[in-house]
């Protein structure tokens, strides 16, 4: 499928955010990174940087959610977890540990807008709400998979939160250490916890 200029800019913004954070990603940088016309900024994103960043958060959320949901449905919780971890490992290694999670970048990097922005505080709250929604969607996918395998709702909720929080934090650790070792360790421990929970349910 051919990407439109708008699609390229959104994907490019998400990529830059994953490497630099939100505030170090400018509209000019996105144009250069995606080799798109500068005039396309005002055409596709009339609300400027805040609109582009918001679209990039939504895009990044879908990029994880779609394959995660498919893996959980097709392969079950444990193999789905392995696929989830493998996807982050591939991204880290393919970028030389320079790129992490753009959604996490939004959650930890206070938004500072460009000169045309009128209300950075409102923009920051909107972006945090979007990031929270993405994390909630990922947790819900994990929770649904655990429910399908027989866990009680409350336990499934806690374990889903554990998995998403553990992976997100570990991705940041891997970037700092420039190694996937921590990801391997966390995957092993998460599998142990999930296996035990599922065994008790099925037993």
N, C-alpha and C. Protein backbone atom coordinates (compact mmCIF):
# COMPACT_ATOMS: atom_id res chain seq x y z
N UNK A 1 0.84 -1.19 0.00
CA UNK A 1 0.00 0.00 0.00
C UNK A 1 0.88 1.25 0.00
N UNK A 2 0.58 2.20 -0.85
CA UNK A 2 1.35 3.42 -0.95
C UNK A 2 0.98 4.37 0.18
N UNK A 3 1.98 4.88 0.88
CA UNK A 3 1.74 5.81 1.96
C UNK A 3 1.52 7.21 1.40
N UNK A 4 0.58 7.93 1.98
CA UNK A 4 0.39 9.32 1.60
C UNK A 4 1.43 10.17 2.31
N UNK A 5 1.54 11.42 1.87
CA UNK A 5 2.46 12.34 2.53
C UNK A 5 2.12 12.47 4.00
N UNK A 6 0.84 12.55 4.31
CA UNK A 6 0.40 12.67 5.70
C UNK A 6 0.81 11.44 6.51
N UNK A 7 0.59 10.26 5.94
CA UNK A 7 0.98 9.02 6.62
C UNK A 7 2.48 8.98 6.89
N UNK A 8 3.27 9.39 5.90
CA UNK A 8 4.72 9.39 6.06
C UNK A 8 5.15 10.32 7.18
N UNK A 9 4.51 11.46 7.27
CA UNK A 9 4.87 12.42 8.31
C UNK A 9 4.51 11.90 9.70
N UNK A 10 3.37 11.25 9.81
CA UNK A 10 2.94 10.69 11.10
C UNK A 10 3.90 9.58 11.54
N UNK A 11 4.20 8.66 10.61
CA UNK A 11 5.13 7.58 10.93
C UNK A 11 6.52 8.14 11.24
N UNK A 12 6.93 9.14 10.49
CA UNK A 12 8.24 9.75 10.72
C UNK A 12 8.31 10.44 12.06
N UNK A 13 7.23 11.11 12.45
CA UNK A 13 7.20 11.76 13.77
C UNK A 13 7.29 10.73 14.88
N UNK A 14 6.57 9.63 14.74
CA UNK A 14 6.63 8.56 15.74
C UNK A 14 8.05 8.01 15.86
N UNK A 15 8.71 7.83 14.72
CA UNK A 15 10.07 7.31 14.73
C UNK A 15 11.02 8.27 15.43
N UNK A 16 10.92 9.56 15.10
CA UNK A 16 11.80 10.55 15.73
C UNK A 16 11.53 10.66 17.23
N UNK A 17 10.25 10.61 17.62
CA UNK A 17 9.91 10.66 19.04
C UNK A 17 10.52 9.48 19.79
N UNK A 18 10.53 8.32 19.14
CA UNK A 18 11.08 7.12 19.80
C UNK A 18 12.58 7.24 20.01
N UNK A 19 13.23 8.08 19.22
CA UNK A 19 14.69 8.25 19.30
C UNK A 19 15.09 9.47 20.13
N UNK A 20 14.31 10.55 20.00
CA UNK A 20 14.74 11.83 20.58
C UNK A 20 13.84 12.33 21.71
N UNK A 21 12.62 11.80 21.78
CA UNK A 21 11.64 12.38 22.68
C UNK A 21 10.75 13.36 21.95
N UNK A 22 9.79 13.90 22.66
CA UNK A 22 8.80 14.78 22.04
C UNK A 22 9.38 16.15 21.72
N UNK A 23 10.04 16.76 22.68
CA UNK A 23 10.45 18.15 22.51
C UNK A 23 11.63 18.33 21.56
N UNK A 24 12.39 17.29 21.37
CA UNK A 24 13.50 17.35 20.41
C UNK A 24 13.05 16.97 19.00
N UNK A 25 11.75 16.75 18.83
CA UNK A 25 11.19 16.44 17.51
C UNK A 25 10.42 17.65 17.02
N UNK A 26 10.98 18.36 16.08
CA UNK A 26 10.33 19.55 15.54
C UNK A 26 9.67 19.23 14.21
N UNK A 27 8.79 20.10 13.79
CA UNK A 27 8.13 19.93 12.49
C UNK A 27 9.17 19.93 11.37
N UNK A 28 10.16 20.79 11.49
CA UNK A 28 11.22 20.85 10.48
C UNK A 28 11.98 19.53 10.41
N UNK A 29 12.24 18.93 11.58
CA UNK A 29 12.93 17.64 11.61
C UNK A 29 12.11 16.56 10.92
N UNK A 30 10.81 16.57 11.15
CA UNK A 30 9.94 15.56 10.54
C UNK A 30 9.95 15.70 9.03
N UNK A 31 9.92 16.93 8.53
CA UNK A 31 9.97 17.17 7.09
C UNK A 31 11.26 16.62 6.50
N UNK A 32 12.38 16.90 7.15
CA UNK A 32 13.67 16.39 6.67
C UNK A 32 13.73 14.88 6.74
N UNK A 33 13.25 14.33 7.85
CA UNK A 33 13.33 12.89 8.09
C UNK A 33 12.50 12.10 7.08
N UNK A 34 11.40 12.68 6.66
CA UNK A 34 10.48 11.98 5.76
C UNK A 34 10.58 12.43 4.31
N UNK A 35 11.45 13.42 4.05
CA UNK A 35 11.62 13.96 2.69
C UNK A 35 10.28 14.37 2.09
N UNK A 36 9.50 15.08 2.89
CA UNK A 36 8.19 15.57 2.43
C UNK A 36 8.25 17.08 2.28
N UNK A 37 7.37 17.66 1.46
CA UNK A 37 7.39 19.11 1.25
C UNK A 37 7.05 19.88 2.53
N UNK A 38 7.78 20.96 2.79
CA UNK A 38 7.53 21.74 4.00
C UNK A 38 6.12 22.31 4.00
N UNK A 39 5.60 22.63 2.83
CA UNK A 39 4.25 23.18 2.76
C UNK A 39 3.17 22.21 3.19
N UNK A 40 3.53 20.94 3.26
CA UNK A 40 2.54 19.94 3.65
C UNK A 40 2.20 20.01 5.13
N UNK A 41 3.04 20.69 5.92
CA UNK A 41 2.79 20.78 7.36
C UNK A 41 1.45 21.47 7.62
N UNK A 42 1.30 22.68 7.11
CA UNK A 42 0.07 23.44 7.38
C UNK A 42 -1.12 22.81 6.69
N UNK A 43 -0.88 22.13 5.57
CA UNK A 43 -1.98 21.51 4.83
C UNK A 43 -2.55 20.31 5.60
N UNK A 44 -1.67 19.45 6.06
CA UNK A 44 -2.11 18.21 6.71
C UNK A 44 -2.30 18.36 8.22
N UNK A 45 -1.62 19.33 8.82
CA UNK A 45 -1.68 19.49 10.27
C UNK A 45 -1.90 20.97 10.62
N UNK A 46 -3.11 21.46 10.39
CA UNK A 46 -3.38 22.88 10.62
C UNK A 46 -3.17 23.32 12.06
N UNK A 47 -3.25 22.39 13.00
CA UNK A 47 -3.01 22.72 14.41
C UNK A 47 -1.56 22.56 14.81
N UNK A 48 -0.69 22.31 13.83
CA UNK A 48 0.73 22.31 14.07
C UNK A 48 1.27 21.07 14.77
N UNK A 49 2.32 21.29 15.53
CA UNK A 49 3.06 20.19 16.14
C UNK A 49 2.18 19.36 17.07
N UNK A 50 1.32 20.01 17.83
CA UNK A 50 0.50 19.25 18.78
C UNK A 50 -0.39 18.24 18.06
N UNK A 51 -0.88 18.61 16.88
CA UNK A 51 -1.71 17.68 16.11
C UNK A 51 -0.88 16.53 15.56
N UNK A 52 0.30 16.84 15.05
CA UNK A 52 1.16 15.80 14.49
C UNK A 52 1.59 14.81 15.57
N UNK A 53 1.98 15.33 16.73
CA UNK A 53 2.41 14.44 17.82
C UNK A 53 1.25 13.56 18.27
N UNK A 54 0.07 14.13 18.37
CA UNK A 54 -1.11 13.35 18.77
C UNK A 54 -1.38 12.23 17.77
N UNK A 55 -1.30 12.55 16.49
CA UNK A 55 -1.51 11.53 15.46
C UNK A 55 -0.43 10.45 15.54
N UNK A 56 0.79 10.87 15.85
CA UNK A 56 1.90 9.91 15.96
C UNK A 56 1.70 8.96 17.14
N UNK A 57 1.17 9.46 18.24
CA UNK A 57 0.88 8.60 19.39
C UNK A 57 -0.15 7.54 19.02
N UNK A 58 -1.21 7.98 18.36
CA UNK A 58 -2.25 7.04 17.94
C UNK A 58 -1.70 6.00 16.97
N UNK A 59 -0.89 6.46 16.04
CA UNK A 59 -0.25 5.55 15.08
C UNK A 59 0.64 4.53 15.79
N UNK A 60 1.47 5.00 16.71
CA UNK A 60 2.38 4.11 17.43
C UNK A 60 1.60 3.09 18.25
N UNK A 61 0.49 3.52 18.82
CA UNK A 61 -0.34 2.60 19.58
C UNK A 61 -0.88 1.47 18.73
N UNK A 62 -1.35 1.80 17.54
CA UNK A 62 -1.88 0.79 16.62
C UNK A 62 -0.80 -0.14 16.13
N UNK A 63 0.40 0.40 15.89
CA UNK A 63 1.51 -0.41 15.40
C UNK A 63 1.87 -1.55 16.36
N UNK A 64 1.62 -1.32 17.63
CA UNK A 64 1.85 -2.38 18.62
C UNK A 64 0.59 -3.21 18.84
N UNK A 65 -0.55 -2.54 18.96
CA UNK A 65 -1.79 -3.22 19.32
C UNK A 65 -2.23 -4.25 18.28
N UNK A 66 -2.12 -3.93 17.02
CA UNK A 66 -2.62 -4.83 15.98
C UNK A 66 -1.89 -6.17 15.98
N UNK A 67 -0.54 -6.19 15.90
CA UNK A 67 0.14 -7.50 15.94
C UNK A 67 0.05 -8.17 17.31
N UNK A 68 -0.03 -7.38 18.39
CA UNK A 68 -0.15 -7.97 19.72
C UNK A 68 -1.46 -8.72 19.86
N UNK A 69 -2.54 -8.11 19.42
CA UNK A 69 -3.84 -8.77 19.51
C UNK A 69 -3.87 -10.04 18.66
N UNK A 70 -3.30 -9.96 17.47
CA UNK A 70 -3.27 -11.14 16.59
C UNK A 70 -2.45 -12.26 17.23
N UNK A 71 -1.31 -11.92 17.79
CA UNK A 71 -0.46 -12.94 18.41
C UNK A 71 -1.15 -13.58 19.60
N UNK A 72 -1.83 -12.77 20.41
CA UNK A 72 -2.52 -13.32 21.58
C UNK A 72 -3.68 -14.22 21.17
N UNK A 73 -4.37 -13.86 20.12
CA UNK A 73 -5.50 -14.69 19.67
C UNK A 73 -5.03 -15.96 18.98
N UNK A 74 -4.00 -15.84 18.17
CA UNK A 74 -3.56 -16.98 17.37
C UNK A 74 -2.66 -17.93 18.15
N UNK A 75 -1.89 -17.39 19.11
CA UNK A 75 -0.83 -18.18 19.73
C UNK A 75 -0.99 -18.37 21.24
N UNK A 76 -1.93 -17.65 21.84
CA UNK A 76 -2.11 -17.77 23.28
C UNK A 76 -1.20 -16.84 24.06
N UNK A 77 -1.36 -16.85 25.36
CA UNK A 77 -0.70 -15.88 26.22
C UNK A 77 0.83 -16.00 26.18
N UNK A 78 1.35 -17.20 26.39
CA UNK A 78 2.80 -17.34 26.51
C UNK A 78 3.50 -17.08 25.19
N UNK A 79 3.04 -17.70 24.13
CA UNK A 79 3.65 -17.46 22.82
C UNK A 79 3.38 -16.04 22.35
N UNK A 80 2.23 -15.48 22.72
CA UNK A 80 1.93 -14.09 22.39
C UNK A 80 2.89 -13.15 23.08
N UNK A 81 3.20 -13.44 24.35
CA UNK A 81 4.18 -12.65 25.07
C UNK A 81 5.54 -12.72 24.38
N UNK A 82 5.92 -13.91 23.97
CA UNK A 82 7.22 -14.06 23.29
C UNK A 82 7.27 -13.23 22.00
N UNK A 83 6.16 -13.21 21.28
CA UNK A 83 6.10 -12.40 20.05
C UNK A 83 6.18 -10.92 20.38
N UNK A 84 5.53 -10.51 21.46
CA UNK A 84 5.54 -9.11 21.90
C UNK A 84 6.96 -8.68 22.24
N UNK A 85 7.63 -9.49 23.03
CA UNK A 85 9.02 -9.19 23.40
C UNK A 85 9.93 -9.21 22.18
N UNK A 86 9.73 -10.17 21.30
CA UNK A 86 10.58 -10.28 20.10
C UNK A 86 10.45 -9.05 19.22
N UNK A 87 9.25 -8.49 19.15
CA UNK A 87 9.05 -7.31 18.31
C UNK A 87 9.84 -6.12 18.86
N UNK A 88 9.88 -5.97 20.19
CA UNK A 88 10.68 -4.89 20.78
C UNK A 88 12.17 -5.17 20.61
N UNK A 89 12.56 -6.42 20.75
CA UNK A 89 13.99 -6.75 20.57
C UNK A 89 14.43 -6.40 19.15
N UNK A 90 13.61 -6.76 18.17
CA UNK A 90 13.97 -6.45 16.77
C UNK A 90 14.12 -4.95 16.58
N UNK A 91 13.21 -4.18 17.14
CA UNK A 91 13.28 -2.73 16.96
C UNK A 91 14.53 -2.15 17.63
N UNK A 92 14.79 -2.58 18.82
CA UNK A 92 15.98 -2.09 19.53
C UNK A 92 17.25 -2.42 18.75
N UNK A 93 17.38 -3.67 18.34
CA UNK A 93 18.60 -4.10 17.67
C UNK A 93 18.72 -3.48 16.28
N UNK A 94 17.60 -3.34 15.57
CA UNK A 94 17.64 -2.76 14.22
C UNK A 94 18.07 -1.30 14.22
N UNK A 95 17.81 -0.60 15.33
CA UNK A 95 18.17 0.82 15.41
C UNK A 95 19.41 1.05 16.26
N UNK A 96 20.13 -0.02 16.56
CA UNK A 96 21.31 0.13 17.40
C UNK A 96 20.97 0.64 18.79
N UNK A 97 19.80 0.27 19.29
CA UNK A 97 19.30 0.67 20.61
C UNK A 97 19.09 2.18 20.71
N UNK A 98 18.84 2.80 19.57
CA UNK A 98 18.58 4.24 19.56
C UNK A 98 17.09 4.57 19.65
N UNK A 99 16.23 3.61 19.30
CA UNK A 99 14.79 3.87 19.29
C UNK A 99 14.10 3.04 20.35
N UNK A 100 13.23 3.69 21.11
CA UNK A 100 12.43 3.01 22.10
C UNK A 100 10.95 3.10 21.76
N UNK A 101 10.16 3.48 22.74
CA UNK A 101 8.71 3.57 22.56
C UNK A 101 8.28 5.03 22.50
N UNK A 102 7.69 5.48 21.40
CA UNK A 102 7.26 6.87 21.31
C UNK A 102 6.13 7.21 22.27
N UNK A 103 5.33 6.22 22.64
CA UNK A 103 4.24 6.47 23.59
C UNK A 103 4.82 6.76 24.97
N UNK A 104 5.83 6.00 25.35
CA UNK A 104 6.52 6.26 26.62
C UNK A 104 7.17 7.64 26.60
N UNK A 105 7.71 8.02 25.45
CA UNK A 105 8.33 9.35 25.33
C UNK A 105 7.33 10.45 25.65
N UNK A 106 6.11 10.29 25.19
CA UNK A 106 5.06 11.28 25.47
C UNK A 106 4.74 11.30 26.96
N UNK A 107 4.72 10.12 27.57
CA UNK A 107 4.35 10.02 28.98
C UNK A 107 5.38 10.67 29.91
N UNK A 108 6.65 10.69 29.50
CA UNK A 108 7.70 11.18 30.40
C UNK A 108 8.27 12.54 29.98
N UNK A 109 7.96 13.00 28.80
CA UNK A 109 8.55 14.23 28.27
C UNK A 109 7.49 15.32 28.24
N UNK A 110 7.56 16.28 29.15
CA UNK A 110 6.58 17.36 29.18
C UNK A 110 6.57 18.13 27.87
N UNK A 111 5.40 18.34 27.31
CA UNK A 111 5.27 18.95 25.99
C UNK A 111 5.62 20.44 26.03
N UNK A 112 6.49 20.85 25.14
CA UNK A 112 6.77 22.26 24.90
C UNK A 112 6.48 22.52 23.44
N UNK A 113 5.50 23.35 23.18
CA UNK A 113 5.07 23.57 21.81
C UNK A 113 5.95 24.53 21.03
N UNK A 114 5.55 24.78 19.81
CA UNK A 114 6.26 25.72 18.97
C UNK A 114 5.64 27.11 19.14
N UNK A 115 6.21 28.09 18.46
CA UNK A 115 5.81 29.48 18.68
C UNK A 115 4.32 29.71 18.45
N UNK A 116 3.73 28.95 17.53
CA UNK A 116 2.32 29.15 17.18
C UNK A 116 1.36 28.54 18.21
N UNK A 117 1.87 27.68 19.08
CA UNK A 117 1.02 27.04 20.07
C UNK A 117 0.55 28.05 21.11
N UNK A 118 -0.69 27.90 21.54
CA UNK A 118 -1.27 28.87 22.48
C UNK A 118 -1.39 28.32 23.89
N UNK A 119 -1.50 27.02 24.05
CA UNK A 119 -1.75 26.46 25.37
C UNK A 119 -1.02 25.13 25.52
N UNK A 120 0.24 25.22 25.94
CA UNK A 120 1.04 24.00 26.09
C UNK A 120 0.46 23.07 27.14
N UNK A 121 -0.11 23.63 28.19
CA UNK A 121 -0.64 22.80 29.27
C UNK A 121 -1.79 21.94 28.79
N UNK A 122 -2.69 22.52 28.00
CA UNK A 122 -3.81 21.76 27.45
C UNK A 122 -3.31 20.70 26.48
N UNK A 123 -2.31 21.05 25.68
CA UNK A 123 -1.74 20.10 24.73
C UNK A 123 -1.09 18.94 25.47
N UNK A 124 -0.37 19.25 26.56
CA UNK A 124 0.27 18.21 27.36
C UNK A 124 -0.76 17.25 27.93
N UNK A 125 -1.86 17.79 28.46
CA UNK A 125 -2.88 16.92 29.03
C UNK A 125 -3.52 16.03 27.98
N UNK A 126 -3.74 16.60 26.80
CA UNK A 126 -4.32 15.82 25.70
C UNK A 126 -3.38 14.68 25.30
N UNK A 127 -2.09 14.96 25.21
CA UNK A 127 -1.13 13.93 24.83
C UNK A 127 -1.02 12.85 25.91
N UNK A 128 -1.04 13.27 27.17
CA UNK A 128 -1.02 12.28 28.25
C UNK A 128 -2.26 11.39 28.21
N UNK A 129 -3.41 11.98 27.93
CA UNK A 129 -4.64 11.19 27.81
C UNK A 129 -4.53 10.18 26.68
N UNK A 130 -3.94 10.60 25.56
CA UNK A 130 -3.76 9.68 24.43
C UNK A 130 -2.81 8.54 24.81
N UNK A 131 -1.70 8.88 25.46
CA UNK A 131 -0.74 7.85 25.87
C UNK A 131 -1.38 6.89 26.85
N UNK A 132 -2.14 7.42 27.79
CA UNK A 132 -2.84 6.57 28.75
C UNK A 132 -3.80 5.62 28.05
N UNK A 133 -4.48 6.13 27.03
CA UNK A 133 -5.40 5.29 26.27
C UNK A 133 -4.69 4.18 25.52
N UNK A 134 -3.51 4.48 24.99
CA UNK A 134 -2.73 3.45 24.29
C UNK A 134 -2.30 2.35 25.26
N UNK A 135 -1.74 2.75 26.40
CA UNK A 135 -1.33 1.76 27.38
C UNK A 135 -2.53 0.92 27.86
N UNK A 136 -3.67 1.58 28.02
CA UNK A 136 -4.88 0.87 28.44
C UNK A 136 -5.31 -0.15 27.39
N UNK A 137 -5.17 0.21 26.11
CA UNK A 137 -5.53 -0.73 25.04
C UNK A 137 -4.60 -1.94 25.05
N UNK A 138 -3.31 -1.72 25.23
CA UNK A 138 -2.37 -2.84 25.28
C UNK A 138 -2.68 -3.74 26.47
N UNK A 139 -2.98 -3.12 27.60
CA UNK A 139 -3.33 -3.93 28.78
C UNK A 139 -4.61 -4.72 28.55
N UNK A 140 -5.56 -4.09 27.88
CA UNK A 140 -6.82 -4.77 27.62
C UNK A 140 -6.63 -5.98 26.71
N UNK A 141 -5.75 -5.87 25.73
CA UNK A 141 -5.46 -7.01 24.85
C UNK A 141 -4.88 -8.16 25.66
N UNK A 142 -3.94 -7.83 26.53
CA UNK A 142 -3.33 -8.86 27.38
C UNK A 142 -4.36 -9.43 28.35
N UNK A 143 -5.17 -8.57 28.92
CA UNK A 143 -6.20 -9.01 29.87
C UNK A 143 -7.18 -9.96 29.19
N UNK A 144 -7.61 -9.61 27.98
CA UNK A 144 -8.57 -10.46 27.25
C UNK A 144 -7.98 -11.83 26.98
N UNK A 145 -6.69 -11.87 26.66
CA UNK A 145 -6.04 -13.16 26.40
C UNK A 145 -6.00 -14.01 27.66
N UNK A 146 -5.71 -13.38 28.78
CA UNK A 146 -5.67 -14.11 30.05
C UNK A 146 -7.06 -14.60 30.45
N UNK A 147 -8.07 -13.80 30.20
CA UNK A 147 -9.44 -14.22 30.49
C UNK A 147 -9.83 -15.42 29.64
N UNK A 148 -9.40 -15.40 28.37
CA UNK A 148 -9.72 -16.54 27.49
C UNK A 148 -9.10 -17.83 28.00
N UNK A 149 -7.99 -17.71 28.72
CA UNK A 149 -7.33 -18.90 29.23
C UNK A 149 -7.73 -19.23 30.67
N UNK A 150 -8.78 -18.54 31.15
CA UNK A 150 -9.41 -18.97 32.39
C UNK A 150 -9.10 -18.17 33.64
N UNK A 151 -8.29 -17.12 33.56
CA UNK A 151 -7.99 -16.35 34.75
C UNK A 151 -9.19 -15.50 35.18
N UNK A 152 -9.28 -15.26 36.48
CA UNK A 152 -10.31 -14.36 37.00
C UNK A 152 -10.00 -12.93 36.57
N UNK A 153 -11.02 -12.12 36.46
CA UNK A 153 -10.88 -10.77 35.91
C UNK A 153 -9.87 -9.92 36.67
N UNK A 154 -9.94 -9.94 37.99
CA UNK A 154 -9.04 -9.10 38.79
C UNK A 154 -7.59 -9.52 38.62
N UNK A 155 -7.34 -10.81 38.62
CA UNK A 155 -5.98 -11.33 38.43
C UNK A 155 -5.48 -11.02 37.02
N UNK A 156 -6.35 -11.17 36.04
CA UNK A 156 -5.98 -10.87 34.66
C UNK A 156 -5.61 -9.40 34.50
N UNK A 157 -6.35 -8.54 35.16
CA UNK A 157 -6.07 -7.10 35.10
C UNK A 157 -4.70 -6.79 35.67
N UNK A 158 -4.38 -7.36 36.82
CA UNK A 158 -3.09 -7.10 37.46
C UNK A 158 -1.93 -7.63 36.62
N UNK A 159 -2.09 -8.82 36.09
CA UNK A 159 -1.01 -9.41 35.29
C UNK A 159 -0.82 -8.66 33.97
N UNK A 160 -1.90 -8.21 33.37
CA UNK A 160 -1.80 -7.43 32.14
C UNK A 160 -1.03 -6.14 32.38
N UNK A 161 -1.32 -5.49 33.50
CA UNK A 161 -0.60 -4.27 33.85
C UNK A 161 0.88 -4.57 34.10
N UNK A 162 1.15 -5.67 34.78
CA UNK A 162 2.53 -6.07 35.04
C UNK A 162 3.30 -6.27 33.73
N UNK A 163 2.71 -6.98 32.79
CA UNK A 163 3.40 -7.27 31.53
C UNK A 163 3.73 -5.98 30.78
N UNK A 164 2.74 -5.12 30.60
CA UNK A 164 2.97 -3.89 29.82
C UNK A 164 3.98 -2.99 30.53
N UNK A 165 3.82 -2.82 31.84
CA UNK A 165 4.75 -1.97 32.58
C UNK A 165 6.17 -2.53 32.55
N UNK A 166 6.29 -3.85 32.69
CA UNK A 166 7.62 -4.47 32.69
C UNK A 166 8.31 -4.31 31.34
N UNK A 167 7.58 -4.54 30.27
CA UNK A 167 8.20 -4.44 28.95
C UNK A 167 8.57 -3.00 28.63
N UNK A 168 7.68 -2.07 28.92
CA UNK A 168 7.98 -0.66 28.64
C UNK A 168 9.21 -0.19 29.41
N UNK A 169 9.28 -0.53 30.69
CA UNK A 169 10.43 -0.13 31.48
C UNK A 169 11.72 -0.79 31.01
N UNK A 170 11.60 -2.04 30.61
CA UNK A 170 12.79 -2.77 30.18
C UNK A 170 13.33 -2.26 28.85
N UNK A 171 12.45 -1.84 27.97
CA UNK A 171 12.89 -1.24 26.71
C UNK A 171 13.77 -0.02 26.99
N UNK A 172 13.36 0.79 27.95
CA UNK A 172 14.16 1.96 28.32
C UNK A 172 15.51 1.53 28.89
N UNK A 173 15.52 0.49 29.72
CA UNK A 173 16.77 -0.01 30.28
C UNK A 173 17.70 -0.52 29.19
N UNK A 174 17.13 -1.22 28.21
CA UNK A 174 17.94 -1.76 27.11
C UNK A 174 18.58 -0.64 26.30
N UNK A 175 17.87 0.43 26.10
CA UNK A 175 18.45 1.57 25.38
C UNK A 175 19.64 2.14 26.14
N UNK A 176 19.48 2.28 27.45
CA UNK A 176 20.56 2.84 28.26
C UNK A 176 21.78 1.92 28.27
N UNK A 177 21.52 0.62 28.34
CA UNK A 177 22.60 -0.37 28.43
C UNK A 177 23.13 -0.80 27.07
N UNK A 178 22.36 -0.45 26.00
CA UNK A 178 22.69 -0.84 24.63
C UNK A 178 22.85 -2.36 24.52
N UNK A 179 21.91 -3.04 25.16
CA UNK A 179 21.91 -4.50 25.16
C UNK A 179 20.48 -4.99 25.42
N UNK A 180 20.15 -6.13 24.85
CA UNK A 180 18.83 -6.73 25.07
C UNK A 180 18.82 -7.71 26.22
N UNK A 181 19.89 -7.76 27.00
CA UNK A 181 19.97 -8.74 28.09
C UNK A 181 18.82 -8.59 29.08
N UNK A 182 18.52 -7.36 29.45
CA UNK A 182 17.45 -7.14 30.43
C UNK A 182 16.11 -7.61 29.89
N UNK A 183 15.90 -7.44 28.60
CA UNK A 183 14.65 -7.89 27.98
C UNK A 183 14.52 -9.41 28.07
N UNK A 184 15.63 -10.11 27.85
CA UNK A 184 15.63 -11.57 27.96
C UNK A 184 15.30 -12.00 29.39
N UNK A 185 15.88 -11.31 30.36
CA UNK A 185 15.66 -11.66 31.76
C UNK A 185 14.21 -11.42 32.17
N UNK A 186 13.66 -10.28 31.76
CA UNK A 186 12.29 -9.95 32.12
C UNK A 186 11.31 -10.90 31.44
N UNK A 187 11.58 -11.25 30.19
CA UNK A 187 10.72 -12.20 29.50
C UNK A 187 10.67 -13.53 30.26
N UNK A 188 11.82 -14.00 30.71
CA UNK A 188 11.87 -15.27 31.43
C UNK A 188 11.04 -15.21 32.71
N UNK A 189 11.17 -14.12 33.45
CA UNK A 189 10.43 -13.99 34.70
C UNK A 189 8.93 -13.83 34.45
N UNK A 190 8.57 -13.07 33.44
CA UNK A 190 7.15 -12.92 33.11
C UNK A 190 6.53 -14.26 32.71
N UNK A 191 7.27 -15.03 31.93
CA UNK A 191 6.77 -16.36 31.55
C UNK A 191 6.56 -17.23 32.78
N UNK A 192 7.48 -17.16 33.73
CA UNK A 192 7.34 -17.95 34.95
C UNK A 192 6.08 -17.56 35.72
N UNK A 193 5.86 -16.25 35.85
CA UNK A 193 4.68 -15.76 36.57
C UNK A 193 3.39 -16.16 35.86
N UNK A 194 3.36 -15.98 34.54
CA UNK A 194 2.15 -16.30 33.78
C UNK A 194 1.89 -17.80 33.75
N UNK A 195 2.95 -18.57 33.57
CA UNK A 195 2.80 -20.03 33.59
C UNK A 195 2.19 -20.51 34.90
N UNK A 196 2.69 -19.96 36.01
CA UNK A 196 2.20 -20.35 37.33
C UNK A 196 0.74 -19.97 37.51
N UNK A 197 0.39 -18.78 37.07
CA UNK A 197 -1.01 -18.33 37.20
C UNK A 197 -1.94 -19.18 36.37
N UNK A 198 -1.53 -19.50 35.15
CA UNK A 198 -2.36 -20.32 34.27
C UNK A 198 -2.46 -21.76 34.77
N UNK A 199 -1.35 -22.27 35.33
CA UNK A 199 -1.35 -23.65 35.83
C UNK A 199 -2.33 -23.78 37.01
N UNK A 200 -2.34 -22.78 37.89
CA UNK A 200 -3.26 -22.82 39.03
C UNK A 200 -4.70 -22.78 38.56
N UNK A 201 -4.95 -21.99 37.52
CA UNK A 201 -6.31 -21.89 37.00
C UNK A 201 -6.74 -23.20 36.35
N UNK A 202 -5.86 -23.73 35.51
CA UNK A 202 -6.21 -24.96 34.78
C UNK A 202 -6.14 -26.21 35.66
N UNK A 203 -5.37 -26.09 36.75
CA UNK A 203 -5.22 -27.25 37.63
C UNK A 203 -6.37 -27.40 38.59
